[in-house]
Protein backbone atom coordinates (compact mmCIF):
# COMPACT_ATOMS: atom_id res chain seq x y z
CA MET A 1 104.35 128.30 113.15
CA ASP A 2 104.29 125.83 111.00
CA THR A 3 105.46 126.94 107.85
CA ALA A 4 103.67 124.29 105.64
CA PRO A 5 102.10 124.85 102.30
CA GLU A 6 98.17 124.66 103.02
CA SER A 7 97.39 121.70 101.29
CA MET A 8 100.62 119.28 103.22
CA ARG A 9 98.48 120.04 106.65
CA PHE A 10 96.46 117.57 107.35
CA SER A 11 93.90 117.13 110.67
CA ALA A 12 95.30 114.86 113.91
CA ARG A 13 92.18 112.05 112.95
CA ARG A 14 94.37 111.57 109.75
CA ALA A 15 97.51 112.24 110.57
CA GLU A 16 95.80 108.85 112.68
CA LEU A 17 94.78 106.89 110.09
CA ALA A 18 97.94 107.74 108.13
CA SER A 19 100.21 106.38 110.49
CA PHE A 20 102.59 103.41 110.69
CA GLU A 21 100.61 101.88 113.55
CA HIS A 22 96.70 101.84 111.73
CA ALA A 23 98.16 100.53 109.17
CA TYR A 24 99.91 97.72 111.19
CA ALA A 25 96.09 96.63 112.87
CA VAL A 26 94.89 97.32 109.50
CA ALA A 27 97.18 94.33 108.48
CA VAL A 28 96.73 91.87 111.21
CA GLN A 29 92.85 92.59 110.64
CA LEU A 30 93.31 91.57 107.24
CA ARG A 31 95.36 88.92 108.06
CA ARG A 32 92.84 87.19 110.53
CA ALA A 33 90.25 88.29 108.01
CA THR A 34 91.77 86.40 105.18
CA GLY A 35 94.63 84.40 105.50
CA ARG A 36 96.59 86.05 103.70
CA LEU A 37 100.38 87.45 104.45
CA GLN A 38 99.95 91.38 104.78
CA PHE A 39 103.03 94.18 103.71
CA VAL A 40 102.59 97.29 105.86
CA ILE A 41 104.36 99.90 102.49
CA GLY A 42 106.36 103.07 102.98
CA THR A 43 104.73 104.81 99.90
CA GLY A 44 107.19 108.42 100.60
CA ASP A 45 103.71 109.78 100.07
CA PRO A 46 102.84 112.50 103.24
CA GLN A 47 98.89 112.16 102.39
CA GLN A 48 99.55 108.49 103.21
CA PRO A 49 102.96 107.19 103.74
CA PHE A 50 102.36 104.15 105.18
CA ARG A 51 99.88 101.12 103.55
CA THR A 52 98.51 97.44 103.78
CA THR A 53 98.95 95.06 100.98
CA SER A 54 98.71 91.16 100.41
CA ARG A 55 100.73 91.79 97.21
CA PRO A 56 105.10 91.87 98.31
CA PRO A 57 106.17 95.82 97.14
CA ASN A 58 107.75 97.20 94.14
CA GLY A 59 110.72 98.91 93.27
CA ASN A 60 109.51 102.63 94.76
CA GLU A 61 108.30 100.75 97.95
CA ARG A 62 109.83 100.04 101.33
CA MET A 63 108.02 97.21 103.39
CA PHE A 64 108.07 98.19 107.46
CA ALA A 65 106.78 95.04 108.17
CA LEU A 66 105.43 91.96 107.00
CA VAL A 67 101.96 90.39 108.87
CA ALA A 68 102.07 86.04 108.91
């Protein structure tokens, strides 16, 4: 039985899109397209646990990967 509040339950597709694997794939695509370093950052936000950016992480974020 799922005891998470209704607002914290996400679809399987949302979970796939919010995964580290997806963020890393996006980072690789952006690296190829832009030529800029890409970081995969852990945000601590359950709705968007990972994101891709060309900026280094700030003090509240954790770097999980660097696509160089």
